[in-house]
Structure formats: structure tokens, C-alpha cells
Amino acid sequence: MFKNLLKEKNLSVYQCSKLSGIPYSTLSDIFNGNTNIEKCSCDVAYRLSKTLGVSMEYLIEVGRRKFDDFENFKSIVKHRIKEEGDITFLLKVYMGDEIEKYWEDDKKAEALYLLACVDYLSRINELPKATRYNEIRNFKLEEPIWPQDAYLLKKIMPKSYEENLLMGAIPEFLQFNIVEGDLRDAC
């Protein structure tokens, strides 16, 4: 979504960085969905909104849509696993080069979520890890991705709530900074 704003203004991330005075790495993380705009300082949100000619509220809404897109992606993956079964799901992901396609499309969170699913399902089904993903396994999202309901609850619950979520998270997801407790909870 943020990339569309850049296209509309005919700007690259680098040009936006120069015009706004926001570090390139910060903007890259925001535009690639690795950093939630809501977690950025007001100064960053203000400078970005001025550079792109939109309100701060609009930026936050765009960021939320990106988050909602990821939540929809997670839901679709969970439903696939439920409907196809673990082994068929694994075969389809491998054969369809799905992880690589998301990675090449710069959808890092989606690629890493799928890879975590593959690694987790391989482990619980006593299958070896696919070595073709070793290079991608070296990557970790800068900001953690929490379950959707956790974002709200973390604001009102004690610190122990966050600790409990982390303790119950699947290790294959945590290695990529994704907090996922149950792949089988598809509605």
C-alpha cells in the first residue's frame, strides 16, 4: 500500500528519504511492512505524511490495511493446512515455489510465515527440513508480528500477558520474529 503512495508521487524510497530527512533503512522497513507506522515516532509519521502529501491518519490507515492483508494471508494458510492436510500442504508449497515467489515479490513476512509453517509441519511430521530455504532462514523481521488480538490486549494487559504469548509460541515462527501459537485455529 505504501509503495502505491510512492508511485503516485513518482518517488523512490531513496528520494523519499532525502526529501523527508527520514533514514532510508527506516523508510524501507515501513514500506516493506517490517515496521508498523503506528509504532514510529510522531516525528517520522509527520515528516512522511508531509513528504507524501497525505494526513498522518491516512498513513496509519494504510499501515492497518497492510496488517489486515497479512492477517488474511495467515487465515488462508491455516485453512489450506486444515483442508489439504499437512503433507499435501507441504508438497504444494514445495512444488509451487510459493516461498520463493513471496520472497521475490518482496513480501518477506508472508514468505517467512510460510517457511515457518513448512519447518513446523516438517518437524511434527518427522520430516527433514528442506535445505533449499537455508538462505531465507537467515532473515528475521525487525519488528515482531503478534496475533491480531494481541496488539489490543497488550495495551491493557500486564507484561506477563506478552511473556505468556512468547512462551506458548511455536519456535519455528519465533525464529523469524513472528508470534504464532496455533496453526490449527482456522475458523
Protein backbone atom coordinates (compact mmCIF):
# COMPACT_ATOMS: atom_id res chain seq x y z
CA MET A 1 0.00 0.00 0.00
CA PHE A 2 2.79 2.43 0.91
CA LYS A 3 4.53 1.63 -2.37
CA ASN A 4 1.45 2.89 -4.20
CA LEU A 5 1.85 6.23 -2.43
CA LEU A 6 5.44 6.42 -3.64
CA LYS A 7 4.38 5.60 -7.20
CA GLU A 8 1.71 8.31 -7.12
CA LYS A 9 4.35 10.86 -6.12
CA ASN A 10 6.87 9.39 -8.58
CA LEU A 11 9.38 8.85 -5.77
CA SER A 12 11.77 6.08 -4.86
CA VAL A 13 12.39 5.12 -1.24
CA TYR A 14 15.77 6.83 -1.52
CA GLN A 15 14.23 10.08 -2.83
CA CYS A 16 11.56 9.99 -0.13
CA SER A 17 14.30 9.55 2.46
CA LYS A 18 16.20 12.56 1.16
CA LEU A 19 13.10 14.77 0.96
CA SER A 20 11.74 13.79 4.38
CA GLY A 21 15.02 13.50 6.28
CA ILE A 22 13.95 10.04 7.49
CA PRO A 23 16.71 7.41 7.34
CA TYR A 24 16.48 5.14 4.31
CA SER A 25 16.51 1.99 6.46
CA THR A 26 13.53 3.26 8.48
CA LEU A 27 11.50 4.02 5.35
CA SER A 28 12.46 0.73 3.75
CA ASP A 29 11.21 -1.14 6.82
CA ILE A 30 7.95 0.83 6.82
CA PHE A 31 7.33 0.38 3.10
CA ASN A 32 8.16 -3.34 3.21
CA GLY A 33 5.84 -3.97 6.16
CA ASN A 34 8.62 -4.84 8.60
CA THR A 35 7.85 -1.82 10.80
CA ASN A 36 4.34 -0.71 11.70
CA ILE A 37 3.87 3.03 11.09
CA GLU A 38 1.85 3.17 14.32
CA LYS A 39 4.98 2.26 16.27
CA CYS A 40 7.07 5.00 14.68
CA SER A 41 7.62 8.33 16.39
CA CYS A 42 5.21 11.16 15.67
CA ASP A 43 8.08 13.00 14.02
CA VAL A 44 8.62 10.20 11.49
CA ALA A 45 4.90 9.91 10.76
CA TYR A 46 4.61 13.70 10.43
CA ARG A 47 7.59 14.07 8.07
CA LEU A 48 6.44 11.14 5.95
CA SER A 49 2.89 12.48 5.73
CA LYS A 50 4.17 15.91 4.63
CA THR A 51 6.52 14.40 2.05
CA LEU A 52 3.77 12.22 0.57
CA GLY A 53 1.10 14.91 0.86
CA VAL A 54 -1.30 12.86 2.96
CA SER A 55 -2.53 13.09 6.54
CA MET A 56 -0.95 11.14 9.39
CA GLU A 57 -4.30 9.43 9.89
CA TYR A 58 -4.23 8.25 6.28
CA LEU A 59 -0.74 6.79 6.77
CA ILE A 60 -1.93 4.88 9.81
CA GLU A 61 -4.94 3.56 7.89
CA VAL A 62 -2.69 2.39 5.06
CA GLY A 63 -0.48 0.65 7.63
CA ARG A 64 -3.51 -1.08 9.14
CA ARG A 65 -4.61 -2.33 5.73
CA LYS A 66 -1.18 -3.88 5.29
CA PHE A 67 -1.62 -5.59 8.68
CA ASP A 68 -5.12 -6.76 7.75
CA ASP A 69 -3.73 -8.18 4.50
CA PHE A 70 -1.22 -10.23 6.50
CA GLU A 71 -3.94 -11.46 8.87
CA ASN A 72 -5.99 -12.56 5.84
CA PHE A 73 -2.92 -14.33 4.43
CA LYS A 74 -2.42 -16.18 7.73
CA SER A 75 -6.07 -17.22 7.78
CA ILE A 76 -5.89 -18.55 4.22
CA VAL A 77 -2.74 -20.56 5.02
CA LYS A 78 -4.35 -22.05 8.14
CA HIS A 79 -7.44 -23.03 6.16
CA ARG A 80 -5.27 -24.63 3.48
CA ILE A 81 -3.47 -26.72 6.09
CA LYS A 82 -6.79 -27.76 7.62
CA GLU A 83 -8.35 -28.67 4.27
CA GLU A 84 -5.32 -30.19 2.49
CA GLY A 85 -3.64 -31.86 5.44
CA ASP A 86 -0.03 -31.38 6.46
CA ILE A 87 1.69 -33.49 3.80
CA THR A 88 -0.35 -32.25 0.82
CA PHE A 89 0.14 -28.67 2.00
CA LEU A 90 3.92 -29.20 2.24
CA LEU A 91 4.07 -30.74 -1.23
CA LYS A 92 2.05 -27.92 -2.80
CA VAL A 93 4.23 -25.24 -1.18
CA TYR A 94 7.41 -27.00 -2.36
CA MET A 95 6.17 -27.76 -5.86
CA GLY A 96 4.66 -24.33 -6.37
CA ASP A 97 7.79 -22.49 -5.19
CA GLU A 98 5.43 -20.40 -3.05
CA ILE A 99 8.02 -19.28 -0.51
CA GLU A 100 10.41 -18.10 -3.22
CA LYS A 101 7.63 -16.26 -5.05
CA TYR A 102 6.62 -14.29 -1.95
CA TRP A 103 10.29 -13.61 -1.19
CA GLU A 104 10.96 -12.34 -4.73
CA ASP A 105 7.80 -10.18 -4.60
CA ASP A 106 9.29 -8.52 -1.50
CA LYS A 107 6.59 -9.98 0.73
CA LYS A 108 9.04 -11.01 3.43
CA ALA A 109 6.52 -11.51 6.23
CA GLU A 110 4.40 -13.81 4.06
CA ALA A 111 7.44 -15.77 2.86
CA LEU A 112 8.74 -16.19 6.40
CA TYR A 113 5.31 -17.20 7.71
CA LEU A 114 5.03 -19.88 5.03
CA LEU A 115 8.59 -21.06 5.73
CA ALA A 116 7.81 -21.29 9.44
CA CYS A 117 4.72 -23.36 8.59
CA VAL A 118 6.84 -25.67 6.42
CA ASP A 119 9.52 -26.07 9.08
CA TYR A 120 6.97 -26.64 11.85
CA LEU A 121 4.90 -29.14 9.89
CA SER A 122 8.07 -30.94 8.82
CA ARG A 123 9.17 -31.23 12.44
CA ILE A 124 5.87 -32.52 13.83
CA ASN A 125 5.55 -35.00 10.95
CA GLU A 126 9.17 -36.12 11.48
CA LEU A 127 10.28 -34.99 8.02
CA PRO A 128 13.66 -33.40 7.29
CA LYS A 129 13.89 -29.64 6.80
CA ALA A 130 14.07 -28.58 3.16
CA THR A 131 17.60 -27.27 2.64
CA ARG A 132 16.57 -25.10 -0.31
CA TYR A 133 15.37 -22.44 2.14
CA ASN A 134 18.56 -22.18 4.21
CA GLU A 135 19.45 -18.74 2.88
CA ILE A 136 16.00 -17.33 3.68
CA ARG A 137 16.18 -18.87 7.17
CA ASN A 138 18.96 -16.38 7.99
CA PHE A 139 16.49 -13.48 7.80
CA LYS A 140 14.46 -12.16 10.74
CA LEU A 141 11.78 -9.46 10.74
CA GLU A 142 12.91 -6.33 12.56
CA GLU A 143 9.62 -5.82 14.42
CA PRO A 144 7.71 -8.76 15.90
CA ILE A 145 4.41 -9.70 14.35
CA TRP A 146 1.87 -10.53 17.04
CA PRO A 147 -1.53 -12.17 16.60
CA GLN A 148 -4.14 -9.54 15.77
CA ASP A 149 -5.94 -9.73 19.11
CA ALA A 150 -2.63 -9.44 20.97
CA TYR A 151 -2.00 -5.89 19.73
CA LEU A 152 -5.06 -4.66 21.57
CA LEU A 153 -4.69 -6.88 24.61
CA LYS A 154 -1.02 -5.98 25.07
CA LYS A 155 -2.07 -2.38 25.69
CA ILE A 156 -4.39 -3.26 28.57
CA MET A 157 -2.89 -6.47 29.96
CA PRO A 158 0.14 -6.73 32.24
CA LYS A 159 3.60 -7.52 30.88
CA SER A 160 3.04 -11.17 31.85
CA TYR A 161 0.49 -11.47 29.00
CA GLU A 162 3.19 -10.78 26.44
CA GLU A 163 5.55 -13.20 28.19
CA ASN A 164 2.87 -15.92 28.14
CA LEU A 165 2.33 -15.40 24.42
CA LEU A 166 6.05 -15.74 23.79
CA MET A 167 6.32 -18.87 25.95
CA GLY A 168 3.44 -20.52 24.05
CA ALA A 169 4.68 -19.52 20.61
CA ILE A 170 5.87 -22.08 18.07
CA PRO A 171 9.70 -21.88 17.86
CA GLU A 172 9.80 -22.10 14.06
CA PHE A 173 7.82 -18.85 13.92
CA LEU A 174 9.69 -17.11 16.71
CA GLN A 175 12.99 -17.52 14.86
CA PHE A 176 11.59 -15.07 12.28
CA ASN A 177 10.08 -12.76 14.93
CA ILE A 178 6.53 -13.98 14.30
CA VAL A 179 4.42 -14.90 17.33
CA GLU A 180 2.16 -17.82 16.39
CA GLY A 181 0.70 -20.20 18.93
CA ASP A 182 -1.55 -22.49 16.94
CA LEU A 183 -1.76 -23.33 13.23
CA ARG A 184 -4.88 -25.37 13.81
CA ASP A 185 -7.11 -22.49 14.91
CA ALA A 186 -8.62 -21.75 11.47
CA CYS A 187 -12.30 -20.86 11.79
